[in-house]
C-alpha cells in the first residue's frame, strides 16, 4: 500500500476518537484502513 504520512495520521486520529464518536471508519476488505485499524488496536493499553 502506498499512502502518505498525512493519510496515516488522519486515519489513526479517527480510530482514537471512535469510542467517543462511535463512528467506525470505512474499512473495505483488504484495504489499508482495515489493516491499520487492526494494527492500531494491538497497541491499546489495558485501560
ModelCIF file with pLDDT and N, C-alpha, C, O atoms, coordinates in Angstrom:
data_MODEL
#
_entry.id   MODEL 
#
_entity.id                         1 
_entity.type                       polymer 
_entity.pdbx_number_of_molecules   1 
#
_entity_poly.entity_id                      1 
_entity_poly.type                           'polypeptide(L)' 
_entity_poly.nstd_linkage                   no 
_entity_poly.nstd_monomer                   no 
_entity_poly.pdbx_seq_one_letter_code       
;(UNK)(UNK)(UNK)(UNK)(UNK)(UNK)(UNK)(UNK)(UNK)(UNK)(UNK)(UNK)(UNK)(UNK)(UNK)(UNK)
(UNK)(UNK)(UNK)(UNK)(UNK)(UNK)(UNK)(UNK)(UNK)(UNK)(UNK)(UNK)(UNK)(UNK)(UNK)(UNK)
(UNK)(UNK)(UNK)(UNK)(UNK)(UNK)(UNK)(UNK)(UNK)(UNK)(UNK)(UNK)(UNK)(UNK)(UNK)
;
_entity_poly.pdbx_seq_one_letter_code_can   XXXXXXXXXXXXXXXXXXXXXXXXXXXXXXXXXXXXXXXXXXXXXXX 
_entity_poly.pdbx_strand_id                 A 
#
loop_
_entity_poly_seq.entity_id 
_entity_poly_seq.num 
_entity_poly_seq.mon_id 
_entity_poly_seq.hetero 
1 1  UNK n 
1 2  UNK n 
1 3  UNK n 
1 4  UNK n 
1 5  UNK n 
1 6  UNK n 
1 7  UNK n 
1 8  UNK n 
1 9  UNK n 
1 10 UNK n 
1 11 UNK n 
1 12 UNK n 
1 13 UNK n 
1 14 UNK n 
1 15 UNK n 
1 16 UNK n 
1 17 UNK n 
1 18 UNK n 
1 19 UNK n 
1 20 UNK n 
1 21 UNK n 
1 22 UNK n 
1 23 UNK n 
1 24 UNK n 
1 25 UNK n 
1 26 UNK n 
1 27 UNK n 
1 28 UNK n 
1 29 UNK n 
1 30 UNK n 
1 31 UNK n 
1 32 UNK n 
1 33 UNK n 
1 34 UNK n 
1 35 UNK n 
1 36 UNK n 
1 37 UNK n 
1 38 UNK n 
1 39 UNK n 
1 40 UNK n 
1 41 UNK n 
1 42 UNK n 
1 43 UNK n 
1 44 UNK n 
1 45 UNK n 
1 46 UNK n 
1 47 UNK n 
#
_struct_asym.id          A 
_struct_asym.entity_id   1 
#
loop_
_ma_qa_metric.id 
_ma_qa_metric.mode 
_ma_qa_metric.name 
_ma_qa_metric.software_group_id 
_ma_qa_metric.type 
1 global pLDDT . pLDDT 
2 local  pLDDT . pLDDT 
#
_ma_qa_metric_global.metric_id      1 
_ma_qa_metric_global.metric_value   94.89 
_ma_qa_metric_global.model_id       1 
_ma_qa_metric_global.ordinal_id     1 
#
loop_
_ma_qa_metric_local.label_asym_id 
_ma_qa_metric_local.label_comp_id 
_ma_qa_metric_local.label_seq_id 
_ma_qa_metric_local.metric_id 
_ma_qa_metric_local.metric_value 
_ma_qa_metric_local.model_id 
_ma_qa_metric_local.ordinal_id 
A UNK 1  2 97.00 1 1  
A UNK 2  2 97.00 1 2  
A UNK 3  2 97.00 1 3  
A UNK 4  2 98.00 1 4  
A UNK 5  2 97.00 1 5  
A UNK 6  2 97.00 1 6  
A UNK 7  2 97.00 1 7  
A UNK 8  2 97.00 1 8  
A UNK 9  2 97.00 1 9  
A UNK 10 2 96.00 1 10 
A UNK 11 2 96.00 1 11 
A UNK 12 2 97.00 1 12 
A UNK 13 2 95.00 1 13 
A UNK 14 2 94.00 1 14 
A UNK 15 2 96.00 1 15 
A UNK 16 2 96.00 1 16 
A UNK 17 2 95.00 1 17 
A UNK 18 2 95.00 1 18 
A UNK 19 2 96.00 1 19 
A UNK 20 2 94.00 1 20 
A UNK 21 2 94.00 1 21 
A UNK 22 2 95.00 1 22 
A UNK 23 2 92.00 1 23 
A UNK 24 2 89.00 1 24 
A UNK 25 2 84.00 1 25 
A UNK 26 2 83.00 1 26 
A UNK 27 2 86.00 1 27 
A UNK 28 2 87.00 1 28 
A UNK 29 2 88.00 1 29 
A UNK 30 2 90.00 1 30 
A UNK 31 2 95.00 1 31 
A UNK 32 2 97.00 1 32 
A UNK 33 2 95.00 1 33 
A UNK 34 2 96.00 1 34 
A UNK 35 2 97.00 1 35 
A UNK 36 2 97.00 1 36 
A UNK 37 2 97.00 1 37 
A UNK 38 2 97.00 1 38 
A UNK 39 2 98.00 1 39 
A UNK 40 2 98.00 1 40 
A UNK 41 2 97.00 1 41 
A UNK 42 2 98.00 1 42 
A UNK 43 2 98.00 1 43 
A UNK 44 2 98.00 1 44 
A UNK 45 2 97.00 1 45 
A UNK 46 2 97.00 1 46 
A UNK 47 2 96.00 1 47 
#
loop_
_atom_site.group_PDB 
_atom_site.id 
_atom_site.type_symbol 
_atom_site.label_atom_id 
_atom_site.label_alt_id 
_atom_site.label_comp_id 
_atom_site.label_asym_id 
_atom_site.label_entity_id 
_atom_site.label_seq_id 
_atom_site.pdbx_PDB_ins_code 
_atom_site.Cartn_x 
_atom_site.Cartn_y 
_atom_site.Cartn_z 
_atom_site.occupancy 
_atom_site.B_iso_or_equiv 
_atom_site.pdbx_formal_charge 
_atom_site.auth_seq_id 
_atom_site.auth_comp_id 
_atom_site.auth_asym_id 
_atom_site.auth_atom_id 
_atom_site.pdbx_PDB_model_num 
ATOM 1   N N  . UNK A 1 1  ? 0.851   -1.191 0.000  1.00 97.00 ? 1  UNK A N  1 
ATOM 2   C CA . UNK A 1 1  ? 0.000   0.000  0.000  1.00 97.00 ? 1  UNK A CA 1 
ATOM 3   C C  . UNK A 1 1  ? 0.887   1.241  0.000  1.00 97.00 ? 1  UNK A C  1 
ATOM 4   O O  . UNK A 1 1  ? 1.811   1.353  0.806  1.00 97.00 ? 1  UNK A O  1 
ATOM 5   N N  . UNK A 1 2  ? 0.601   2.169  -0.906 1.00 97.00 ? 2  UNK A N  1 
ATOM 6   C CA . UNK A 1 2  ? 1.311   3.444  -0.939 1.00 97.00 ? 2  UNK A CA 1 
ATOM 7   C C  . UNK A 1 2  ? 0.398   4.523  -0.385 1.00 97.00 ? 2  UNK A C  1 
ATOM 8   O O  . UNK A 1 2  ? -0.647  4.825  -0.961 1.00 97.00 ? 2  UNK A O  1 
ATOM 9   N N  . UNK A 1 3  ? 0.804   5.101  0.740  1.00 97.00 ? 3  UNK A N  1 
ATOM 10  C CA . UNK A 1 3  ? -0.003  6.102  1.439  1.00 97.00 ? 3  UNK A CA 1 
ATOM 11  C C  . UNK A 1 3  ? 0.900   7.213  1.953  1.00 97.00 ? 3  UNK A C  1 
ATOM 12  O O  . UNK A 1 3  ? 2.102   7.012  2.127  1.00 97.00 ? 3  UNK A O  1 
ATOM 13  N N  . UNK A 1 4  ? 0.325   8.377  2.193  1.00 98.00 ? 4  UNK A N  1 
ATOM 14  C CA . UNK A 1 4  ? 1.097   9.488  2.741  1.00 98.00 ? 4  UNK A CA 1 
ATOM 15  C C  . UNK A 1 4  ? 1.064   9.446  4.267  1.00 98.00 ? 4  UNK A C  1 
ATOM 16  O O  . UNK A 1 4  ? 0.176   8.846  4.873  1.00 98.00 ? 4  UNK A O  1 
ATOM 17  N N  . UNK A 1 5  ? 2.043   10.093 4.861  1.00 97.00 ? 5  UNK A N  1 
ATOM 18  C CA . UNK A 1 5  ? 2.063   10.192 6.318  1.00 97.00 ? 5  UNK A CA 1 
ATOM 19  C C  . UNK A 1 5  ? 0.803   10.893 6.817  1.00 97.00 ? 5  UNK A C  1 
ATOM 20  O O  . UNK A 1 5  ? 0.255   10.527 7.856  1.00 97.00 ? 5  UNK A O  1 
ATOM 21  N N  . UNK A 1 6  ? 0.347   11.894 6.079  1.00 97.00 ? 6  UNK A N  1 
ATOM 22  C CA . UNK A 1 6  ? -0.865  12.601 6.476  1.00 97.00 ? 6  UNK A CA 1 
ATOM 23  C C  . UNK A 1 6  ? -2.078  11.696 6.501  1.00 97.00 ? 6  UNK A C  1 
ATOM 24  O O  . UNK A 1 6  ? -2.897  11.780 7.416  1.00 97.00 ? 6  UNK A O  1 
ATOM 25  N N  . UNK A 1 7  ? -2.205  10.827 5.502  1.00 97.00 ? 7  UNK A N  1 
ATOM 26  C CA . UNK A 1 7  ? -3.327  9.885  5.465  1.00 97.00 ? 7  UNK A CA 1 
ATOM 27  C C  . UNK A 1 7  ? -3.275  8.923  6.646  1.00 97.00 ? 7  UNK A C  1 
ATOM 28  O O  . UNK A 1 7  ? -4.305  8.601  7.239  1.00 97.00 ? 7  UNK A O  1 
ATOM 29  N N  . UNK A 1 8  ? -2.075  8.467  6.981  1.00 97.00 ? 8  UNK A N  1 
ATOM 30  C CA . UNK A 1 8  ? -1.917  7.550  8.124  1.00 97.00 ? 8  UNK A CA 1 
ATOM 31  C C  . UNK A 1 8  ? -2.362  8.226  9.409  1.00 97.00 ? 8  UNK A C  1 
ATOM 32  O O  . UNK A 1 8  ? -3.128  7.653  10.184 1.00 97.00 ? 8  UNK A O  1 
ATOM 33  N N  . UNK A 1 9  ? -1.884  9.441  9.636  1.00 97.00 ? 9  UNK A N  1 
ATOM 34  C CA . UNK A 1 9  ? -2.209  10.159 10.868 1.00 97.00 ? 9  UNK A CA 1 
ATOM 35  C C  . UNK A 1 9  ? -3.703  10.459 10.939 1.00 97.00 ? 9  UNK A C  1 
ATOM 36  O O  . UNK A 1 9  ? -4.306  10.326 12.004 1.00 97.00 ? 9  UNK A O  1 
ATOM 37  N N  . UNK A 1 10 ? -4.307  10.862 9.824  1.00 96.00 ? 10 UNK A N  1 
ATOM 38  C CA . UNK A 1 10 ? -5.745  11.156 9.828  1.00 96.00 ? 10 UNK A CA 1 
ATOM 39  C C  . UNK A 1 10 ? -6.558  9.925  10.202 1.00 96.00 ? 10 UNK A C  1 
ATOM 40  O O  . UNK A 1 10 ? -7.498  10.013 10.992 1.00 96.00 ? 10 UNK A O  1 
ATOM 41  N N  . UNK A 1 11 ? -6.202  8.789  9.641  1.00 96.00 ? 11 UNK A N  1 
ATOM 42  C CA . UNK A 1 11 ? -6.909  7.557  9.988  1.00 96.00 ? 11 UNK A CA 1 
ATOM 43  C C  . UNK A 1 11 ? -6.738  7.214  11.462 1.00 96.00 ? 11 UNK A C  1 
ATOM 44  O O  . UNK A 1 11 ? -7.702  6.861  12.141 1.00 96.00 ? 11 UNK A O  1 
ATOM 45  N N  . UNK A 1 12 ? -5.518  7.321  11.947 1.00 97.00 ? 12 UNK A N  1 
ATOM 46  C CA . UNK A 1 12 ? -5.262  6.973  13.350 1.00 97.00 ? 12 UNK A CA 1 
ATOM 47  C C  . UNK A 1 12 ? -6.017  7.900  14.297 1.00 97.00 ? 12 UNK A C  1 
ATOM 48  O O  . UNK A 1 12 ? -6.507  7.457  15.336 1.00 97.00 ? 12 UNK A O  1 
ATOM 49  N N  . UNK A 1 13 ? -6.113  9.167  13.955 1.00 95.00 ? 13 UNK A N  1 
ATOM 50  C CA . UNK A 1 13 ? -6.878  10.094 14.790 1.00 95.00 ? 13 UNK A CA 1 
ATOM 51  C C  . UNK A 1 13 ? -8.357  9.713  14.803 1.00 95.00 ? 13 UNK A C  1 
ATOM 52  O O  . UNK A 1 13 ? -9.014  9.820  15.838 1.00 95.00 ? 13 UNK A O  1 
ATOM 53  N N  . UNK A 1 14 ? -8.883  9.271  13.665 1.00 94.00 ? 14 UNK A N  1 
ATOM 54  C CA . UNK A 1 14 ? -10.289 8.841  13.646 1.00 94.00 ? 14 UNK A CA 1 
ATOM 55  C C  . UNK A 1 14 ? -10.475 7.583  14.482 1.00 94.00 ? 14 UNK A C  1 
ATOM 56  O O  . UNK A 1 14 ? -11.505 7.427  15.139 1.00 94.00 ? 14 UNK A O  1 
ATOM 57  N N  . UNK A 1 15 ? -9.496  6.685  14.471 1.00 96.00 ? 15 UNK A N  1 
ATOM 58  C CA . UNK A 1 15 ? -9.571  5.485  15.318 1.00 96.00 ? 15 UNK A CA 1 
ATOM 59  C C  . UNK A 1 15 ? -9.569  5.880  16.795 1.00 96.00 ? 15 UNK A C  1 
ATOM 60  O O  . UNK A 1 15 ? -10.323 5.330  17.599 1.00 96.00 ? 15 UNK A O  1 
ATOM 61  N N  . UNK A 1 16 ? -8.719  6.831  17.134 1.00 96.00 ? 16 UNK A N  1 
ATOM 62  C CA . UNK A 1 16 ? -8.595  7.242  18.537 1.00 96.00 ? 16 UNK A CA 1 
ATOM 63  C C  . UNK A 1 16 ? -9.908  7.822  19.066 1.00 96.00 ? 16 UNK A C  1 
ATOM 64  O O  . UNK A 1 16 ? -10.244 7.635  20.235 1.00 96.00 ? 16 UNK A O  1 
ATOM 65  N N  . UNK A 1 17 ? -10.645 8.523  18.210 1.00 95.00 ? 17 UNK A N  1 
ATOM 66  C CA . UNK A 1 17 ? -11.890 9.167  18.643 1.00 95.00 ? 17 UNK A CA 1 
ATOM 67  C C  . UNK A 1 17 ? -13.095 8.242  18.551 1.00 95.00 ? 17 UNK A C  1 
ATOM 68  O O  . UNK A 1 17 ? -14.195 8.637  18.938 1.00 95.00 ? 17 UNK A O  1 
ATOM 69  N N  . UNK A 1 18 ? -12.918 7.017  18.046 1.00 95.00 ? 18 UNK A N  1 
ATOM 70  C CA . UNK A 1 18 ? -14.053 6.125  17.851 1.00 95.00 ? 18 UNK A CA 1 
ATOM 71  C C  . UNK A 1 18 ? -14.856 5.854  19.127 1.00 95.00 ? 18 UNK A C  1 
ATOM 72  O O  . UNK A 1 18 ? -16.084 5.817  19.049 1.00 95.00 ? 18 UNK A O  1 
ATOM 73  N N  . UNK A 1 19 ? -14.234 5.662  20.297 1.00 96.00 ? 19 UNK A N  1 
ATOM 74  C CA . UNK A 1 19 ? -15.038 5.438  21.499 1.00 96.00 ? 19 UNK A CA 1 
ATOM 75  C C  . UNK A 1 19 ? -15.947 6.621  21.848 1.00 96.00 ? 19 UNK A C  1 
ATOM 76  O O  . UNK A 1 19 ? -16.946 6.452  22.548 1.00 96.00 ? 19 UNK A O  1 
ATOM 77  N N  . UNK A 1 20 ? -15.601 7.815  21.359 1.00 94.00 ? 20 UNK A N  1 
ATOM 78  C CA . UNK A 1 20 ? -16.432 8.994  21.616 1.00 94.00 ? 20 UNK A CA 1 
ATOM 79  C C  . UNK A 1 20 ? -17.479 9.186  20.530 1.00 94.00 ? 20 UNK A C  1 
ATOM 80  O O  . UNK A 1 20 ? -18.651 9.419  20.827 1.00 94.00 ? 20 UNK A O  1 
ATOM 81  N N  . UNK A 1 21 ? -17.058 9.088  19.268 1.00 94.00 ? 21 UNK A N  1 
ATOM 82  C CA . UNK A 1 21 ? -17.985 9.302  18.157 1.00 94.00 ? 21 UNK A CA 1 
ATOM 83  C C  . UNK A 1 21 ? -18.806 8.063  17.830 1.00 94.00 ? 21 UNK A C  1 
ATOM 84  O O  . UNK A 1 21 ? -19.872 8.163  17.222 1.00 94.00 ? 21 UNK A O  1 
ATOM 85  N N  . UNK A 1 22 ? -18.310 6.894  18.233 1.00 95.00 ? 22 UNK A N  1 
ATOM 86  C CA . UNK A 1 22 ? -18.884 5.582  17.893 1.00 95.00 ? 22 UNK A CA 1 
ATOM 87  C C  . UNK A 1 22 ? -18.837 5.313  16.391 1.00 95.00 ? 22 UNK A C  1 
ATOM 88  O O  . UNK A 1 22 ? -19.425 4.342  15.916 1.00 95.00 ? 22 UNK A O  1 
ATOM 89  N N  . UNK A 1 23 ? -18.141 6.169  15.643 1.00 92.00 ? 23 UNK A N  1 
ATOM 90  C CA . UNK A 1 23 ? -18.100 6.044  14.188 1.00 92.00 ? 23 UNK A CA 1 
ATOM 91  C C  . UNK A 1 23 ? -16.991 5.096  13.761 1.00 92.00 ? 23 UNK A C  1 
ATOM 92  O O  . UNK A 1 23 ? -15.813 5.353  14.011 1.00 92.00 ? 23 UNK A O  1 
ATOM 93  N N  . UNK A 1 24 ? -17.371 4.002  13.117 1.00 89.00 ? 24 UNK A N  1 
ATOM 94  C CA . UNK A 1 24 ? -16.404 3.079  12.531 1.00 89.00 ? 24 UNK A CA 1 
ATOM 95  C C  . UNK A 1 24 ? -16.047 3.597  11.146 1.00 89.00 ? 24 UNK A C  1 
ATOM 96  O O  . UNK A 1 24 ? -16.938 3.750  10.310 1.00 89.00 ? 24 UNK A O  1 
ATOM 97  N N  . UNK A 1 25 ? -14.776 3.873  10.872 1.00 84.00 ? 25 UNK A N  1 
ATOM 98  C CA . UNK A 1 25 ? -14.409 4.407  9.558  1.00 84.00 ? 25 UNK A CA 1 
ATOM 99  C C  . UNK A 1 25 ? -14.589 3.371  8.457  1.00 84.00 ? 25 UNK A C  1 
ATOM 100 O O  . UNK A 1 25 ? -14.749 2.180  8.726  1.00 84.00 ? 25 UNK A O  1 
ATOM 101 N N  . UNK A 1 26 ? -14.560 3.838  7.226  1.00 83.00 ? 26 UNK A N  1 
ATOM 102 C CA . UNK A 1 26 ? -14.666 2.931  6.086  1.00 83.00 ? 26 UNK A CA 1 
ATOM 103 C C  . UNK A 1 26 ? -13.469 1.970  6.096  1.00 83.00 ? 26 UNK A C  1 
ATOM 104 O O  . UNK A 1 26 ? -12.323 2.411  6.010  1.00 83.00 ? 26 UNK A O  1 
ATOM 105 N N  . UNK A 1 27 ? -13.723 0.688  6.199  1.00 86.00 ? 27 UNK A N  1 
ATOM 106 C CA . UNK A 1 27 ? -12.654 -0.309 6.243  1.00 86.00 ? 27 UNK A CA 1 
ATOM 107 C C  . UNK A 1 27 ? -12.997 -1.436 5.269  1.00 86.00 ? 27 UNK A C  1 
ATOM 108 O O  . UNK A 1 27 ? -13.377 -2.537 5.669  1.00 86.00 ? 27 UNK A O  1 
ATOM 109 N N  . UNK A 1 28 ? -12.853 -1.130 3.992  1.00 87.00 ? 28 UNK A N  1 
ATOM 110 C CA . UNK A 1 28 ? -13.168 -2.095 2.949  1.00 87.00 ? 28 UNK A CA 1 
ATOM 111 C C  . UNK A 1 28 ? -12.258 -3.316 3.059  1.00 87.00 ? 28 UNK A C  1 
ATOM 112 O O  . UNK A 1 28 ? -11.158 -3.243 3.607  1.00 87.00 ? 28 UNK A O  1 
ATOM 113 N N  . UNK A 1 29 ? -12.732 -4.422 2.532  1.00 88.00 ? 29 UNK A N  1 
ATOM 114 C CA . UNK A 1 29 ? -11.965 -5.664 2.566  1.00 88.00 ? 29 UNK A CA 1 
ATOM 115 C C  . UNK A 1 29 ? -10.590 -5.481 1.940  1.00 88.00 ? 29 UNK A C  1 
ATOM 116 O O  . UNK A 1 29 ? -10.456 -4.943 0.841  1.00 88.00 ? 29 UNK A O  1 
ATOM 117 N N  . UNK A 1 30 ? -9.572  -5.939 2.662  1.00 90.00 ? 30 UNK A N  1 
ATOM 118 C CA . UNK A 1 30 ? -8.172  -5.899 2.211  1.00 90.00 ? 30 UNK A CA 1 
ATOM 119 C C  . UNK A 1 30 ? -7.637  -4.482 2.039  1.00 90.00 ? 30 UNK A C  1 
ATOM 120 O O  . UNK A 1 30 ? -6.591  -4.297 1.417  1.00 90.00 ? 30 UNK A O  1 
ATOM 121 N N  . UNK A 1 31 ? -8.326  -3.483 2.571  1.00 95.00 ? 31 UNK A N  1 
ATOM 122 C CA . UNK A 1 31 ? -7.883  -2.098 2.435  1.00 95.00 ? 31 UNK A CA 1 
ATOM 123 C C  . UNK A 1 31 ? -6.792  -1.780 3.437  1.00 95.00 ? 31 UNK A C  1 
ATOM 124 O O  . UNK A 1 31 ? -6.628  -2.473 4.442  1.00 95.00 ? 31 UNK A O  1 
ATOM 125 N N  . UNK A 1 32 ? -6.047  -0.721 3.151  1.00 97.00 ? 32 UNK A N  1 
ATOM 126 C CA . UNK A 1 32 ? -5.032  -0.256 4.089  1.00 97.00 ? 32 UNK A CA 1 
ATOM 127 C C  . UNK A 1 32 ? -5.680  0.154  5.403  1.00 97.00 ? 32 UNK A C  1 
ATOM 128 O O  . UNK A 1 32 ? -5.139  -0.126 6.473  1.00 97.00 ? 32 UNK A O  1 
ATOM 129 N N  . UNK A 1 33 ? -6.840  0.819  5.335  1.00 95.00 ? 33 UNK A N  1 
ATOM 130 C CA . UNK A 1 33 ? -7.509  1.274  6.554  1.00 95.00 ? 33 UNK A CA 1 
ATOM 131 C C  . UNK A 1 33 ? -7.841  0.101  7.475  1.00 95.00 ? 33 UNK A C  1 
ATOM 132 O O  . UNK A 1 33 ? -7.667  0.195  8.690  1.00 95.00 ? 33 UNK A O  1 
ATOM 133 N N  . UNK A 1 34 ? -8.316  -0.996 6.900  1.00 96.00 ? 34 UNK A N  1 
ATOM 134 C CA . UNK A 1 34 ? -8.642  -2.176 7.711  1.00 96.00 ? 34 UNK A CA 1 
ATOM 135 C C  . UNK A 1 34 ? -7.403  -2.711 8.417  1.00 96.00 ? 34 UNK A C  1 
ATOM 136 O O  . UNK A 1 34 ? -7.449  -3.041 9.602  1.00 96.00 ? 34 UNK A O  1 
ATOM 137 N N  . UNK A 1 35 ? -6.301  -2.796 7.687  1.00 97.00 ? 35 UNK A N  1 
ATOM 138 C CA . UNK A 1 35 ? -5.067  -3.338 8.257  1.00 97.00 ? 35 UNK A CA 1 
ATOM 139 C C  . UNK A 1 35 ? -4.477  -2.385 9.301  1.00 97.00 ? 35 UNK A C  1 
ATOM 140 O O  . UNK A 1 35 ? -3.934  -2.823 10.316 1.00 97.00 ? 35 UNK A O  1 
ATOM 141 N N  . UNK A 1 36 ? -4.588  -1.083 9.044  1.00 97.00 ? 36 UNK A N  1 
ATOM 142 C CA . UNK A 1 36 ? -4.080  -0.107 10.007 1.00 97.00 ? 36 UNK A CA 1 
ATOM 143 C C  . UNK A 1 36 ? -4.915  -0.124 11.277 1.00 97.00 ? 36 UNK A C  1 
ATOM 144 O O  . UNK A 1 36 ? -4.370  0.005  12.374 1.00 97.00 ? 36 UNK A O  1 
ATOM 145 N N  . UNK A 1 37 ? -6.229  -0.280 11.148 1.00 97.00 ? 37 UNK A N  1 
ATOM 146 C CA . UNK A 1 37 ? -7.094  -0.323 12.332 1.00 97.00 ? 37 UNK A CA 1 
ATOM 147 C C  . UNK A 1 37 ? -6.728  -1.522 13.208 1.00 97.00 ? 37 UNK A C  1 
ATOM 148 O O  . UNK A 1 37 ? -6.626  -1.391 14.428 1.00 97.00 ? 37 UNK A O  1 
ATOM 149 N N  . UNK A 1 38 ? -6.532  -2.684 12.591 1.00 97.00 ? 38 UNK A N  1 
ATOM 150 C CA . UNK A 1 38 ? -6.114  -3.864 13.363 1.00 97.00 ? 38 UNK A CA 1 
ATOM 151 C C  . UNK A 1 38 ? -4.786  -3.612 14.064 1.00 97.00 ? 38 UNK A C  1 
ATOM 152 O O  . UNK A 1 38 ? -4.595  -4.000 15.216 1.00 97.00 ? 38 UNK A O  1 
ATOM 153 N N  . UNK A 1 39 ? -3.875  -2.959 13.358 1.00 98.00 ? 39 UNK A N  1 
ATOM 154 C CA . UNK A 1 39 ? -2.574  -2.654 13.945 1.00 98.00 ? 39 UNK A CA 1 
ATOM 155 C C  . UNK A 1 39 ? -2.725  -1.706 15.120 1.00 98.00 ? 39 UNK A C  1 
ATOM 156 O O  . UNK A 1 39 ? -2.147  -1.933 16.183 1.00 98.00 ? 39 UNK A O  1 
ATOM 157 N N  . UNK A 1 40 ? -3.494  -0.649 14.935 1.00 98.00 ? 40 UNK A N  1 
ATOM 158 C CA . UNK A 1 40 ? -3.718  0.338  15.996 1.00 98.00 ? 40 UNK A CA 1 
ATOM 159 C C  . UNK A 1 40 ? -4.285  -0.317 17.253 1.00 98.00 ? 40 UNK A C  1 
ATOM 160 O O  . UNK A 1 40 ? -3.824  -0.045 18.361 1.00 98.00 ? 40 UNK A O  1 
ATOM 161 N N  . UNK A 1 41 ? -5.283  -1.177 17.080 1.00 97.00 ? 41 UNK A N  1 
ATOM 162 C CA . UNK A 1 41 ? -5.917  -1.809 18.237 1.00 97.00 ? 41 UNK A CA 1 
ATOM 163 C C  . UNK A 1 41 ? -4.923  -2.627 19.049 1.00 97.00 ? 41 UNK A C  1 
ATOM 164 O O  . UNK A 1 41 ? -5.065  -2.739 20.266 1.00 97.00 ? 41 UNK A O  1 
ATOM 165 N N  . UNK A 1 42 ? -3.917  -3.200 18.391 1.00 98.00 ? 42 UNK A N  1 
ATOM 166 C CA . UNK A 1 42 ? -2.950  -4.035 19.097 1.00 98.00 ? 42 UNK A CA 1 
ATOM 167 C C  . UNK A 1 42 ? -2.069  -3.233 20.047 1.00 98.00 ? 42 UNK A C  1 
ATOM 168 O O  . UNK A 1 42 ? -1.380  -3.817 20.884 1.00 98.00 ? 42 UNK A O  1 
ATOM 169 N N  . UNK A 1 43 ? -2.076  -1.898 19.934 1.00 98.00 ? 43 UNK A N  1 
ATOM 170 C CA . UNK A 1 43 ? -1.262  -1.052 20.799 1.00 98.00 ? 43 UNK A CA 1 
ATOM 171 C C  . UNK A 1 43 ? -2.067  -0.411 21.932 1.00 98.00 ? 43 UNK A C  1 
ATOM 172 O O  . UNK A 1 43 ? -1.508  0.334  22.737 1.00 98.00 ? 43 UNK A O  1 
ATOM 173 N N  . UNK A 1 44 ? -3.352  -0.687 22.005 1.00 98.00 ? 44 UNK A N  1 
ATOM 174 C CA . UNK A 1 44 ? -4.162  -0.072 23.049 1.00 98.00 ? 44 UNK A CA 1 
ATOM 175 C C  . UNK A 1 44 ? -3.723  -0.545 24.435 1.00 98.00 ? 44 UNK A C  1 
ATOM 176 O O  . UNK A 1 44 ? -3.512  -1.741 24.637 1.00 98.00 ? 44 UNK A O  1 
ATOM 177 N N  . UNK A 1 45 ? -3.582  0.376  25.390 1.00 97.00 ? 45 UNK A N  1 
ATOM 178 C CA . UNK A 1 45 ? -3.307  -0.043 26.769 1.00 97.00 ? 45 UNK A CA 1 
ATOM 179 C C  . UNK A 1 45 ? -4.555  -0.668 27.378 1.00 97.00 ? 45 UNK A C  1 
ATOM 180 O O  . UNK A 1 45 ? -5.666  -0.445 26.898 1.00 97.00 ? 45 UNK A O  1 
ATOM 181 N N  . UNK A 1 46 ? -4.370  -1.449 28.433 1.00 97.00 ? 46 UNK A N  1 
ATOM 182 C CA . UNK A 1 46 ? -5.478  -2.204 29.026 1.00 97.00 ? 46 UNK A CA 1 
ATOM 183 C C  . UNK A 1 46 ? -6.637  -1.303 29.419 1.00 97.00 ? 46 UNK A C  1 
ATOM 184 O O  . UNK A 1 46 ? -7.797  -1.689 29.276 1.00 97.00 ? 46 UNK A O  1 
ATOM 185 N N  . UNK A 1 47 ? -6.336  -0.099 29.918 1.00 96.00 ? 47 UNK A N  1 
ATOM 186 C CA . UNK A 1 47 ? -7.404  0.781  30.390 1.00 96.00 ? 47 UNK A CA 1 
ATOM 187 C C  . UNK A 1 47 ? -8.255  1.345  29.263 1.00 96.00 ? 47 UNK A C  1 
ATOM 188 O O  . UNK A 1 47 ? -9.192  2.103  29.517 1.00 96.00 ? 47 UNK A O  1 
#
